[in-house]
Amino acid sequence: MLLGMMVGFGFVAVILLAWMALRVTRRGSCGSKTSIVLRTLSPLVLGLGGWFLAGLIVMVIWPAVFIGSQLLAVLAMGIAIGLGIYLAWVSREANYLGFVAAMSGALSGAWLGFNATEGLAAVLTTLVGAAITANLALIVLDIAWDRSGRAAPLQHARSSGRHGLLRA
């Protein structure tokens, strides 16, 4: 039963990331309402799915590695959540700075969250820390682009009437 849950979460996380990437490729962005929902709710599925998938791979390749180790949890959850939040935020006009902000925010938040407590609670705080700091990094980036007047992803979104999360 536990193995089925781990495989299921991993599969759903991979499918969700693939769907988000396909949607961004086809439409240019996820859209404002979808972006809000994905940036809020998907970190739970992506974080646990990434951690379970990485745990399954590590159990097969290196059975001696503890599935609850800091390195495994931080990297697996941070990368999955950072990528998911970036895909929910991005538009065709965005550059690599958003990707760097989302990934660095998610990885640093995951590390801080893991070190906030011990045991199973560390996994939950890792997930929450990664989600909050990745979103915060992108919000700060949006604010900085607004203040500088730079024609980043915001310029085209405003002219076409489409707005992303906190880009009003």
C-alpha atoms as a PDB file:
ATOM      1  CA  MET A   1       0.000   0.000   0.000  1.00  0.00           C
ATOM      2  CA  LEU A   2       2.816   2.418   0.865  1.00  0.00           C
ATOM      3  CA  LEU A   3       4.631   1.587  -2.361  1.00  0.00           C
ATOM      4  CA  GLY A   4       1.443   2.204  -4.352  1.00  0.00           C
ATOM      5  CA  MET A   5       0.982   5.588  -2.703  1.00  0.00           C
ATOM      6  CA  MET A   6       4.593   6.567  -3.421  1.00  0.00           C
ATOM      7  CA  VAL A   7       4.333   5.522  -7.067  1.00  0.00           C
ATOM      8  CA  GLY A   8       0.937   7.227  -7.388  1.00  0.00           C
ATOM      9  CA  PHE A   9       2.129  10.567  -5.999  1.00  0.00           C
ATOM     10  CA  GLY A  10       5.242  10.419  -8.170  1.00  0.00           C
ATOM     11  CA  PHE A  11       3.173   9.659 -11.265  1.00  0.00           C
ATOM     12  CA  VAL A  12       0.698  12.464 -10.555  1.00  0.00           C
ATOM     13  CA  ALA A  13       3.572  14.924  -9.985  1.00  0.00           C
ATOM     14  CA  VAL A  14       5.213  14.020 -13.292  1.00  0.00           C
ATOM     15  CA  ILE A  15       1.876  14.259 -15.150  1.00  0.00           C
ATOM     16  CA  LEU A  16       1.115  17.622 -13.525  1.00  0.00           C
ATOM     17  CA  LEU A  17       4.511  19.055 -14.488  1.00  0.00           C
ATOM     18  CA  ALA A  18       4.147  17.730 -18.041  1.00  0.00           C
ATOM     19  CA  TRP A  19       0.651  19.243 -18.343  1.00  0.00           C
ATOM     20  CA  MET A  20       1.879  22.605 -17.036  1.00  0.00           C
ATOM     21  CA  ALA A  21       4.817  22.631 -19.466  1.00  0.00           C
ATOM     22  CA  LEU A  22       2.547  21.693 -22.362  1.00  0.00           C
ATOM     23  CA  ARG A  23       0.052  24.399 -21.448  1.00  0.00           C
ATOM     24  CA  VAL A  24       2.784  27.051 -21.258  1.00  0.00           C
ATOM     25  CA  THR A  25       4.206  25.871 -24.579  1.00  0.00           C
ATOM     26  CA  ARG A  26       0.850  25.956 -26.356  1.00  0.00           C
ATOM     27  CA  ARG A  27      -0.800  29.003 -24.789  1.00  0.00           C
ATOM     28  CA  GLY A  28       2.179  31.036 -23.629  1.00  0.00           C
ATOM     29  CA  SER A  29       1.106  31.014 -19.983  1.00  0.00           C
ATOM     30  CA  CYS A  30      -1.227  29.246 -17.592  1.00  0.00           C
ATOM     31  CA  GLY A  31      -3.580  32.206 -17.281  1.00  0.00           C
ATOM     32  CA  SER A  32      -4.235  34.253 -14.172  1.00  0.00           C
ATOM     33  CA  LYS A  33      -6.858  32.086 -12.447  1.00  0.00           C
ATOM     34  CA  THR A  34      -5.074  28.828 -13.220  1.00  0.00           C
ATOM     35  CA  SER A  35      -1.791  30.351 -12.087  1.00  0.00           C
ATOM     36  CA  ILE A  36      -3.240  31.283  -8.705  1.00  0.00           C
ATOM     37  CA  VAL A  37      -4.661  27.806  -8.171  1.00  0.00           C
ATOM     38  CA  LEU A  38      -1.496  26.036  -9.329  1.00  0.00           C
ATOM     39  CA  ARG A  39       0.863  28.214  -7.290  1.00  0.00           C
ATOM     40  CA  THR A  40      -1.267  27.601  -4.200  1.00  0.00           C
ATOM     41  CA  LEU A  41      -2.321  23.956  -4.406  1.00  0.00           C
ATOM     42  CA  SER A  42       0.172  22.146  -6.636  1.00  0.00           C
ATOM     43  CA  PRO A  43       3.160  22.371  -4.231  1.00  0.00           C
ATOM     44  CA  LEU A  44       1.533  19.710  -2.034  1.00  0.00           C
ATOM     45  CA  VAL A  45       1.310  17.195  -4.871  1.00  0.00           C
ATOM     46  CA  LEU A  46       4.617  18.221  -6.458  1.00  0.00           C
ATOM     47  CA  GLY A  47       6.558  18.218  -3.191  1.00  0.00           C
ATOM     48  CA  LEU A  48       5.342  14.843  -1.973  1.00  0.00           C
ATOM     49  CA  GLY A  49       5.460  13.366  -5.472  1.00  0.00           C
ATOM     50  CA  GLY A  50       9.014  14.568  -6.037  1.00  0.00           C
ATOM     51  CA  TRP A  51      10.138  13.283  -2.651  1.00  0.00           C
ATOM     52  CA  PHE A  52       8.463   9.897  -3.114  1.00  0.00           C
ATOM     53  CA  LEU A  53       9.825   9.503  -6.636  1.00  0.00           C
ATOM     54  CA  ALA A  54      13.340  10.440  -5.524  1.00  0.00           C
ATOM     55  CA  GLY A  55      12.983   8.096  -2.547  1.00  0.00           C
ATOM     56  CA  LEU A  56      12.029   5.188  -4.790  1.00  0.00           C
ATOM     57  CA  ILE A  57      14.963   5.847  -7.091  1.00  0.00           C
ATOM     58  CA  VAL A  58      17.385   6.162  -4.176  1.00  0.00           C
ATOM     59  CA  MET A  59      16.038   2.978  -2.539  1.00  0.00           C
ATOM     60  CA  VAL A  60      16.800   1.066  -5.728  1.00  0.00           C
ATOM     61  CA  ILE A  61      20.192   2.614  -6.506  1.00  0.00           C
ATOM     62  CA  TRP A  62      21.566   3.293  -2.985  1.00  0.00           C
ATOM     63  CA  PRO A  63      19.604   1.238  -0.439  1.00  0.00           C
ATOM     64  CA  ALA A  64      21.786   2.468   2.428  1.00  0.00           C
ATOM     65  CA  VAL A  65      20.621   6.097   2.028  1.00  0.00           C
ATOM     66  CA  PHE A  66      17.898   7.130   4.475  1.00  0.00           C
ATOM     67  CA  ILE A  67      14.760   8.295   2.661  1.00  0.00           C
ATOM     68  CA  GLY A  68      14.286  11.080   5.213  1.00  0.00           C
ATOM     69  CA  SER A  69      17.770  12.522   4.780  1.00  0.00           C
ATOM     70  CA  GLN A  70      18.126  16.272   4.448  1.00  0.00           C
ATOM     71  CA  LEU A  71      19.805  16.201   1.048  1.00  0.00           C
ATOM     72  CA  LEU A  72      17.155  13.947  -0.492  1.00  0.00           C
ATOM     73  CA  ALA A  73      14.182  15.832   0.910  1.00  0.00           C
ATOM     74  CA  VAL A  74      15.499  19.317   0.147  1.00  0.00           C
ATOM     75  CA  LEU A  75      16.609  18.555  -3.409  1.00  0.00           C
ATOM     76  CA  ALA A  76      13.588  16.455  -4.378  1.00  0.00           C
ATOM     77  CA  MET A  77      10.960  18.767  -2.941  1.00  0.00           C
ATOM     78  CA  GLY A  78      12.770  21.983  -3.805  1.00  0.00           C
ATOM     79  CA  ILE A  79      13.310  21.107  -7.456  1.00  0.00           C
ATOM     80  CA  ALA A  80       9.782  19.774  -7.989  1.00  0.00           C
ATOM     81  CA  ILE A  81       8.077  22.696  -6.258  1.00  0.00           C
ATOM     82  CA  GLY A  82      10.364  25.308  -7.816  1.00  0.00           C
ATOM     83  CA  LEU A  83       9.765  23.977 -11.309  1.00  0.00           C
ATOM     84  CA  GLY A  84       6.012  23.767 -10.761  1.00  0.00           C
ATOM     85  CA  ILE A  85       5.699  27.282  -9.383  1.00  0.00           C
ATOM     86  CA  TYR A  86       7.865  28.644 -12.191  1.00  0.00           C
ATOM     87  CA  LEU A  87       5.693  26.951 -14.819  1.00  0.00           C
ATOM     88  CA  ALA A  88       2.564  28.363 -13.190  1.00  0.00           C
ATOM     89  CA  TRP A  89       4.094  31.878 -13.217  1.00  0.00           C
ATOM     90  CA  VAL A  90       5.906  32.014 -16.552  1.00  0.00           C
ATOM     91  CA  SER A  91       4.776  33.566 -19.803  1.00  0.00           C
ATOM     92  CA  ARG A  92       6.462  33.422 -23.206  1.00  0.00           C
ATOM     93  CA  GLU A  93       8.092  36.796 -22.648  1.00  0.00           C
ATOM     94  CA  ALA A  94       9.763  35.783 -19.364  1.00  0.00           C
ATOM     95  CA  ASN A  95      13.495  35.260 -19.252  1.00  0.00           C
ATOM     96  CA  TYR A  96      15.644  32.897 -17.235  1.00  0.00           C
ATOM     97  CA  LEU A  97      15.665  35.206 -14.186  1.00  0.00           C
ATOM     98  CA  GLY A  98      12.229  33.944 -13.124  1.00  0.00           C
ATOM     99  CA  PHE A  99      13.446  30.355 -13.310  1.00  0.00           C
ATOM    100  CA  VAL A 100      16.499  31.185 -11.192  1.00  0.00           C
ATOM    101  CA  ALA A 101      14.347  33.059  -8.669  1.00  0.00           C
ATOM    102  CA  ALA A 102      11.805  30.233  -8.350  1.00  0.00           C
ATOM    103  CA  MET A 103      14.427  27.491  -8.045  1.00  0.00           C
ATOM    104  CA  SER A 104      16.674  29.354  -5.615  1.00  0.00           C
ATOM    105  CA  GLY A 105      13.664  30.365  -3.547  1.00  0.00           C
ATOM    106  CA  ALA A 106      12.303  26.835  -3.443  1.00  0.00           C
ATOM    107  CA  LEU A 107      15.646  25.228  -2.587  1.00  0.00           C
ATOM    108  CA  SER A 108      16.514  27.761   0.112  1.00  0.00           C
ATOM    109  CA  GLY A 109      13.004  27.539   1.573  1.00  0.00           C
ATOM    110  CA  ALA A 110      13.140  23.755   1.537  1.00  0.00           C
ATOM    111  CA  TRP A 111      16.476  23.839   3.363  1.00  0.00           C
ATOM    112  CA  LEU A 112      15.175  26.305   5.960  1.00  0.00           C
ATOM    113  CA  GLY A 113      11.987  24.305   6.375  1.00  0.00           C
ATOM    114  CA  PHE A 114      13.823  21.021   6.865  1.00  0.00           C
ATOM    115  CA  ASN A 115      16.033  22.541   9.537  1.00  0.00           C
ATOM    116  CA  ALA A 116      13.098  24.130  11.378  1.00  0.00           C
ATOM    117  CA  THR A 117      12.087  20.893  13.118  1.00  0.00           C
ATOM    118  CA  GLU A 118      12.750  17.151  13.286  1.00  0.00           C
ATOM    119  CA  GLY A 119      11.016  13.955  12.277  1.00  0.00           C
ATOM    120  CA  LEU A 120       8.010  13.782   9.985  1.00  0.00           C
ATOM    121  CA  ALA A 121       7.215  17.414  10.685  1.00  0.00           C
ATOM    122  CA  ALA A 122      10.482  18.311   8.924  1.00  0.00           C
ATOM    123  CA  VAL A 123       9.066  16.929   5.686  1.00  0.00           C
ATOM    124  CA  LEU A 124       5.967  19.106   6.010  1.00  0.00           C
ATOM    125  CA  THR A 125       7.958  22.229   6.864  1.00  0.00           C
ATOM    126  CA  THR A 126      10.254  21.473   3.919  1.00  0.00           C
ATOM    127  CA  LEU A 127       7.246  21.442   1.619  1.00  0.00           C
ATOM    128  CA  VAL A 128       5.736  24.623   3.077  1.00  0.00           C
ATOM    129  CA  GLY A 129       9.077  26.450   3.118  1.00  0.00           C
ATOM    130  CA  ALA A 130       9.787  25.624  -0.521  1.00  0.00           C
ATOM    131  CA  ALA A 131       6.335  26.732  -1.671  1.00  0.00           C
ATOM    132  CA  ILE A 132       6.313  29.985   0.265  1.00  0.00           C
ATOM    133  CA  THR A 133       9.808  31.128  -0.654  1.00  0.00           C
ATOM    134  CA  ALA A 134       9.469  30.237  -4.347  1.00  0.00           C
ATOM    135  CA  ASN A 135       6.268  32.265  -4.556  1.00  0.00           C
ATOM    136  CA  LEU A 136       7.831  35.072  -2.543  1.00  0.00           C
ATOM    137  CA  ALA A 137      10.859  35.202  -4.848  1.00  0.00           C
ATOM    138  CA  LEU A 138       8.624  35.546  -7.908  1.00  0.00           C
ATOM    139  CA  ILE A 139       6.466  38.192  -6.243  1.00  0.00           C
ATOM    140  CA  VAL A 140       9.589  40.195  -5.368  1.00  0.00           C
ATOM    141  CA  LEU A 141      10.776  39.813  -8.969  1.00  0.00           C
ATOM    142  CA  ASP A 142       7.426  41.064 -10.285  1.00  0.00           C
ATOM    143  CA  ILE A 143       7.575  44.067  -7.947  1.00  0.00           C
ATOM    144  CA  ALA A 144      11.133  44.869  -8.990  1.00  0.00           C
ATOM    145  CA  TRP A 145      10.165  44.693 -12.676  1.00  0.00           C
ATOM    146  CA  ASP A 146       7.159  46.939 -12.048  1.00  0.00           C
ATOM    147  CA  ARG A 147       9.231  49.557 -10.249  1.00  0.00           C
ATOM    148  CA  SER A 148      12.032  49.606 -12.803  1.00  0.00           C
ATOM    149  CA  GLY A 149       9.597  49.964 -15.691  1.00  0.00           C
ATOM    150  CA  ARG A 150      11.379  47.110 -17.422  1.00  0.00           C
ATOM    151  CA  ALA A 151       9.480  45.479 -20.262  1.00  0.00           C
ATOM    152  CA  ALA A 152       9.657  42.030 -18.735  1.00  0.00           C
ATOM    153  CA  PRO A 153       6.736  39.605 -18.954  1.00  0.00           C
ATOM    154  CA  LEU A 154       4.484  42.298 -17.554  1.00  0.00           C
ATOM    155  CA  GLN A 155       4.593  44.632 -20.556  1.00  0.00           C
ATOM    156  CA  HIS A 156       2.989  42.213 -23.005  1.00  0.00           C
ATOM    157  CA  ALA A 157       0.551  40.849 -20.436  1.00  0.00           C
ATOM    158  CA  ARG A 158      -0.789  44.334 -19.741  1.00  0.00           C
ATOM    159  CA  SER A 159      -1.116  45.270 -23.390  1.00  0.00           C
ATOM    160  CA  SER A 160      -3.014  42.111 -24.225  1.00  0.00           C
ATOM    161  CA  GLY A 161      -5.314  42.329 -21.198  1.00  0.00           C
ATOM    162  CA  ARG A 162      -4.035  39.113 -19.579  1.00  0.00           C
ATOM    163  CA  HIS A 163      -2.783  39.439 -16.028  1.00  0.00           C
ATOM    164  CA  GLY A 164      -0.687  36.992 -14.043  1.00  0.00           C
ATOM    165  CA  LEU A 165      -0.657  36.544 -10.286  1.00  0.00           C
ATOM    166  CA  LEU A 166      -0.144  39.903  -8.572  1.00  0.00           C
ATOM    167  CA  ARG A 167       0.595  41.621 -11.874  1.00  0.00           C
ATOM    168  CA  ALA A 168      -2.280  44.095 -11.824  1.00  0.00           C
END
